[in-house]
């Protein structure tokens, strides 16, 4: 994981805006320290092979073009209904004044309140969570 480490972690609340780079798409993200990996709202996810490697194409609400990224790994996300297999991609974003590159699972979050979820791996070394901060 890359990203600038701050000498003093920033304090964040339960919901924080992120800016996806290089596209400039702003998304409200739910901060969830119970989740290991972050997740982002991705529509029309389609996996394919490119040069012997796994890749994925997807759309992000608020961005007109299809995005293609190499699949870093596949995660099985546990839920009440069992487990769901999701591709994981590396994305660059700005969060609380810090530019980061972190892994995100791709999932249709259209029925959820927030377009992204920031898990503890995205926050480690960068932020501390204060749930008293206004949502």
C-alpha atoms as a PDB file:
ATOM      1  CA  UNK A   1       0.000   0.000   0.000  1.00  0.00           C
ATOM      2  CA  UNK A   2       1.347   3.333  -0.930  1.00  0.00           C
ATOM      3  CA  UNK A   3       0.410   6.768   0.218  1.00  0.00           C
ATOM      4  CA  UNK A   4       1.936   9.566   2.204  1.00  0.00           C
ATOM      5  CA  UNK A   5       2.178   8.826   5.896  1.00  0.00           C
ATOM      6  CA  UNK A   6       1.385  11.738   8.124  1.00  0.00           C
ATOM      7  CA  UNK A   7       3.374  12.429  11.260  1.00  0.00           C
ATOM      8  CA  UNK A   8       0.092  12.851  13.102  1.00  0.00           C
ATOM      9  CA  UNK A   9      -3.018  10.934  11.992  1.00  0.00           C
ATOM     10  CA  UNK A  10      -6.007  13.009  10.907  1.00  0.00           C
ATOM     11  CA  UNK A  11      -9.231  12.651  12.864  1.00  0.00           C
ATOM     12  CA  UNK A  12     -12.207  11.526  10.796  1.00  0.00           C
ATOM     13  CA  UNK A  13     -15.860  10.877  11.524  1.00  0.00           C
ATOM     14  CA  UNK A  14     -18.234   8.104  10.519  1.00  0.00           C
ATOM     15  CA  UNK A  15     -18.731   9.524   7.011  1.00  0.00           C
ATOM     16  CA  UNK A  16     -16.040  11.269   4.976  1.00  0.00           C
ATOM     17  CA  UNK A  17     -15.826  12.461   1.365  1.00  0.00           C
ATOM     18  CA  UNK A  18     -13.257  10.877  -0.918  1.00  0.00           C
ATOM     19  CA  UNK A  19     -12.125  12.076  -4.337  1.00  0.00           C
ATOM     20  CA  UNK A  20     -11.298   9.341  -6.858  1.00  0.00           C
ATOM     21  CA  UNK A  21      -8.231  10.141  -8.918  1.00  0.00           C
ATOM     22  CA  UNK A  22      -7.573  10.908 -11.696  1.00  0.00           C
ATOM     23  CA  UNK A  23     -11.276  11.250 -12.494  1.00  0.00           C
ATOM     24  CA  UNK A  24     -12.209  13.826  -9.852  1.00  0.00           C
ATOM     25  CA  UNK A  25     -15.328  11.889  -8.817  1.00  0.00           C
ATOM     26  CA  UNK A  26     -16.461  12.826  -5.297  1.00  0.00           C
ATOM     27  CA  UNK A  27     -18.066  10.064  -3.212  1.00  0.00           C
ATOM     28  CA  UNK A  28     -19.275  10.015   0.373  1.00  0.00           C
ATOM     29  CA  UNK A  29     -17.673   7.058   2.146  1.00  0.00           C
ATOM     30  CA  UNK A  30     -18.819   5.299   5.286  1.00  0.00           C
ATOM     31  CA  UNK A  31     -15.877   4.726   7.630  1.00  0.00           C
ATOM     32  CA  UNK A  32     -16.059   1.163   8.968  1.00  0.00           C
ATOM     33  CA  UNK A  33     -13.212  -0.113  11.137  1.00  0.00           C
ATOM     34  CA  UNK A  34     -14.962  -3.499  11.299  1.00  0.00           C
ATOM     35  CA  UNK A  35     -14.321  -4.028   7.600  1.00  0.00           C
ATOM     36  CA  UNK A  36     -10.797  -5.005   6.575  1.00  0.00           C
ATOM     37  CA  UNK A  37     -10.983  -3.988   2.918  1.00  0.00           C
ATOM     38  CA  UNK A  38     -12.659  -0.934   1.432  1.00  0.00           C
ATOM     39  CA  UNK A  39     -15.466  -1.210  -1.116  1.00  0.00           C
ATOM     40  CA  UNK A  40     -16.649   1.051  -3.909  1.00  0.00           C
ATOM     41  CA  UNK A  41     -19.872   1.275  -5.918  1.00  0.00           C
ATOM     42  CA  UNK A  42     -19.060  -0.378  -9.247  1.00  0.00           C
ATOM     43  CA  UNK A  43     -21.687  -1.121 -11.905  1.00  0.00           C
ATOM     44  CA  UNK A  44     -21.534  -3.617 -14.745  1.00  0.00           C
ATOM     45  CA  UNK A  45     -18.460  -5.395 -13.376  1.00  0.00           C
ATOM     46  CA  UNK A  46     -16.981  -7.684 -16.048  1.00  0.00           C
ATOM     47  CA  UNK A  47     -13.798  -9.685 -15.599  1.00  0.00           C
ATOM     48  CA  UNK A  48     -11.553 -10.438 -18.590  1.00  0.00           C
ATOM     49  CA  UNK A  49      -8.055 -11.580 -19.488  1.00  0.00           C
ATOM     50  CA  UNK A  50      -5.393  -9.196 -20.772  1.00  0.00           C
ATOM     51  CA  UNK A  51      -1.915 -10.513 -21.498  1.00  0.00           C
ATOM     52  CA  UNK A  52      -2.419 -13.534 -19.254  1.00  0.00           C
ATOM     53  CA  UNK A  53      -3.540 -11.404 -16.284  1.00  0.00           C
ATOM     54  CA  UNK A  54      -6.980 -10.934 -14.781  1.00  0.00           C
ATOM     55  CA  UNK A  55      -8.525  -7.531 -15.434  1.00  0.00           C
ATOM     56  CA  UNK A  56     -11.915  -6.017 -14.725  1.00  0.00           C
ATOM     57  CA  UNK A  57     -14.016  -3.329 -16.380  1.00  0.00           C
ATOM     58  CA  UNK A  58     -16.654  -1.359 -14.478  1.00  0.00           C
ATOM     59  CA  UNK A  59     -18.548   1.888 -14.268  1.00  0.00           C
ATOM     60  CA  UNK A  60     -18.677   4.327 -11.363  1.00  0.00           C
ATOM     61  CA  UNK A  61     -21.735   6.549 -10.888  1.00  0.00           C
ATOM     62  CA  UNK A  62     -20.789  10.142 -11.666  1.00  0.00           C
ATOM     63  CA  UNK A  63     -18.102   9.143 -14.190  1.00  0.00           C
ATOM     64  CA  UNK A  64     -19.113   8.768 -17.852  1.00  0.00           C
ATOM     65  CA  UNK A  65     -16.371   6.380 -18.991  1.00  0.00           C
ATOM     66  CA  UNK A  66     -15.788   2.712 -18.293  1.00  0.00           C
ATOM     67  CA  UNK A  67     -12.775   2.051 -16.050  1.00  0.00           C
ATOM     68  CA  UNK A  68     -10.414  -0.892 -16.488  1.00  0.00           C
ATOM     69  CA  UNK A  69      -8.038  -2.105 -13.791  1.00  0.00           C
ATOM     70  CA  UNK A  70      -5.879  -5.152 -13.158  1.00  0.00           C
ATOM     71  CA  UNK A  71      -7.372  -7.484 -10.545  1.00  0.00           C
ATOM     72  CA  UNK A  72      -5.047  -7.503  -7.532  1.00  0.00           C
ATOM     73  CA  UNK A  73      -6.795 -10.468  -5.924  1.00  0.00           C
ATOM     74  CA  UNK A  74     -10.257 -11.882  -5.314  1.00  0.00           C
ATOM     75  CA  UNK A  75     -11.916 -11.477  -1.917  1.00  0.00           C
ATOM     76  CA  UNK A  76     -14.750 -13.466  -0.444  1.00  0.00           C
ATOM     77  CA  UNK A  77     -16.897 -11.009   1.478  1.00  0.00           C
ATOM     78  CA  UNK A  78     -18.999 -12.588   4.207  1.00  0.00           C
ATOM     79  CA  UNK A  79     -22.616 -11.593   4.679  1.00  0.00           C
ATOM     80  CA  UNK A  80     -25.755 -13.029   6.216  1.00  0.00           C
ATOM     81  CA  UNK A  81     -26.479 -14.933   3.014  1.00  0.00           C
ATOM     82  CA  UNK A  82     -23.030 -16.555   2.901  1.00  0.00           C
ATOM     83  CA  UNK A  83     -20.023 -15.343   0.951  1.00  0.00           C
ATOM     84  CA  UNK A  84     -19.759 -13.226  -2.173  1.00  0.00           C
ATOM     85  CA  UNK A  85     -16.728 -13.328  -4.487  1.00  0.00           C
ATOM     86  CA  UNK A  86     -15.535  -9.825  -5.435  1.00  0.00           C
ATOM     87  CA  UNK A  87     -12.611  -8.617  -7.534  1.00  0.00           C
ATOM     88  CA  UNK A  88     -10.193  -6.290  -5.725  1.00  0.00           C
ATOM     89  CA  UNK A  89      -8.522  -3.396  -7.549  1.00  0.00           C
ATOM     90  CA  UNK A  90      -6.078  -0.689  -6.514  1.00  0.00           C
ATOM     91  CA  UNK A  91      -7.432   2.863  -6.738  1.00  0.00           C
ATOM     92  CA  UNK A  92      -5.919   6.250  -5.987  1.00  0.00           C
ATOM     93  CA  UNK A  93      -7.951   8.776  -4.022  1.00  0.00           C
ATOM     94  CA  UNK A  94      -7.744  11.807  -1.752  1.00  0.00           C
ATOM     95  CA  UNK A  95      -9.107  11.489   1.753  1.00  0.00           C
ATOM     96  CA  UNK A  96      -8.868  13.988   4.633  1.00  0.00           C
ATOM     97  CA  UNK A  97      -6.151  15.925   2.793  1.00  0.00           C
ATOM     98  CA  UNK A  98      -4.031  12.831   2.093  1.00  0.00           C
ATOM     99  CA  UNK A  99      -3.450  11.184  -1.295  1.00  0.00           C
ATOM    100  CA  UNK A 100      -3.572   7.377  -1.041  1.00  0.00           C
ATOM    101  CA  UNK A 101      -3.575   4.230  -3.136  1.00  0.00           C
ATOM    102  CA  UNK A 102      -5.543   1.400  -1.545  1.00  0.00           C
ATOM    103  CA  UNK A 103      -7.368  -1.790  -2.459  1.00  0.00           C
ATOM    104  CA  UNK A 104     -11.145  -1.719  -2.999  1.00  0.00           C
ATOM    105  CA  UNK A 105     -13.582  -4.545  -3.600  1.00  0.00           C
ATOM    106  CA  UNK A 106     -16.013  -3.850  -6.424  1.00  0.00           C
ATOM    107  CA  UNK A 107     -19.692  -4.180  -5.524  1.00  0.00           C
ATOM    108  CA  UNK A 108     -22.994  -2.673  -6.614  1.00  0.00           C
ATOM    109  CA  UNK A 109     -23.728  -0.360  -3.686  1.00  0.00           C
ATOM    110  CA  UNK A 110     -26.697   1.273  -5.438  1.00  0.00           C
ATOM    111  CA  UNK A 111     -29.107   0.215  -2.696  1.00  0.00           C
ATOM    112  CA  UNK A 112     -26.846   1.555   0.040  1.00  0.00           C
ATOM    113  CA  UNK A 113     -26.641   5.081   1.428  1.00  0.00           C
ATOM    114  CA  UNK A 114     -22.927   5.596   0.690  1.00  0.00           C
ATOM    115  CA  UNK A 115     -21.059   4.974  -2.562  1.00  0.00           C
ATOM    116  CA  UNK A 116     -17.959   3.710  -0.779  1.00  0.00           C
ATOM    117  CA  UNK A 117     -16.879   2.080   2.438  1.00  0.00           C
ATOM    118  CA  UNK A 118     -13.447   2.753   3.919  1.00  0.00           C
ATOM    119  CA  UNK A 119     -12.141  -0.212   5.869  1.00  0.00           C
ATOM    120  CA  UNK A 120      -9.349  -0.334   8.421  1.00  0.00           C
ATOM    121  CA  UNK A 121      -6.621  -1.130   5.870  1.00  0.00           C
ATOM    122  CA  UNK A 122      -7.288   2.222   4.166  1.00  0.00           C
ATOM    123  CA  UNK A 123      -7.168   4.079   7.480  1.00  0.00           C
ATOM    124  CA  UNK A 124      -4.094   2.430   9.016  1.00  0.00           C
ATOM    125  CA  UNK A 125      -1.297   4.932   9.649  1.00  0.00           C
ATOM    126  CA  UNK A 126      -3.338   7.811   8.239  1.00  0.00           C
ATOM    127  CA  UNK A 127      -6.460   8.403  10.309  1.00  0.00           C
ATOM    128  CA  UNK A 128      -8.124   7.801  13.631  1.00  0.00           C
ATOM    129  CA  UNK A 129     -11.896   7.595  13.849  1.00  0.00           C
ATOM    130  CA  UNK A 130     -13.926   9.771  16.202  1.00  0.00           C
ATOM    131  CA  UNK A 131     -17.556   8.770  15.896  1.00  0.00           C
ATOM    132  CA  UNK A 132     -18.467  11.975  17.719  1.00  0.00           C
ATOM    133  CA  UNK A 133     -17.513  13.873  14.555  1.00  0.00           C
ATOM    134  CA  UNK A 134     -20.635  15.103  12.715  1.00  0.00           C
ATOM    135  CA  UNK A 135     -21.913  12.808  10.003  1.00  0.00           C
END
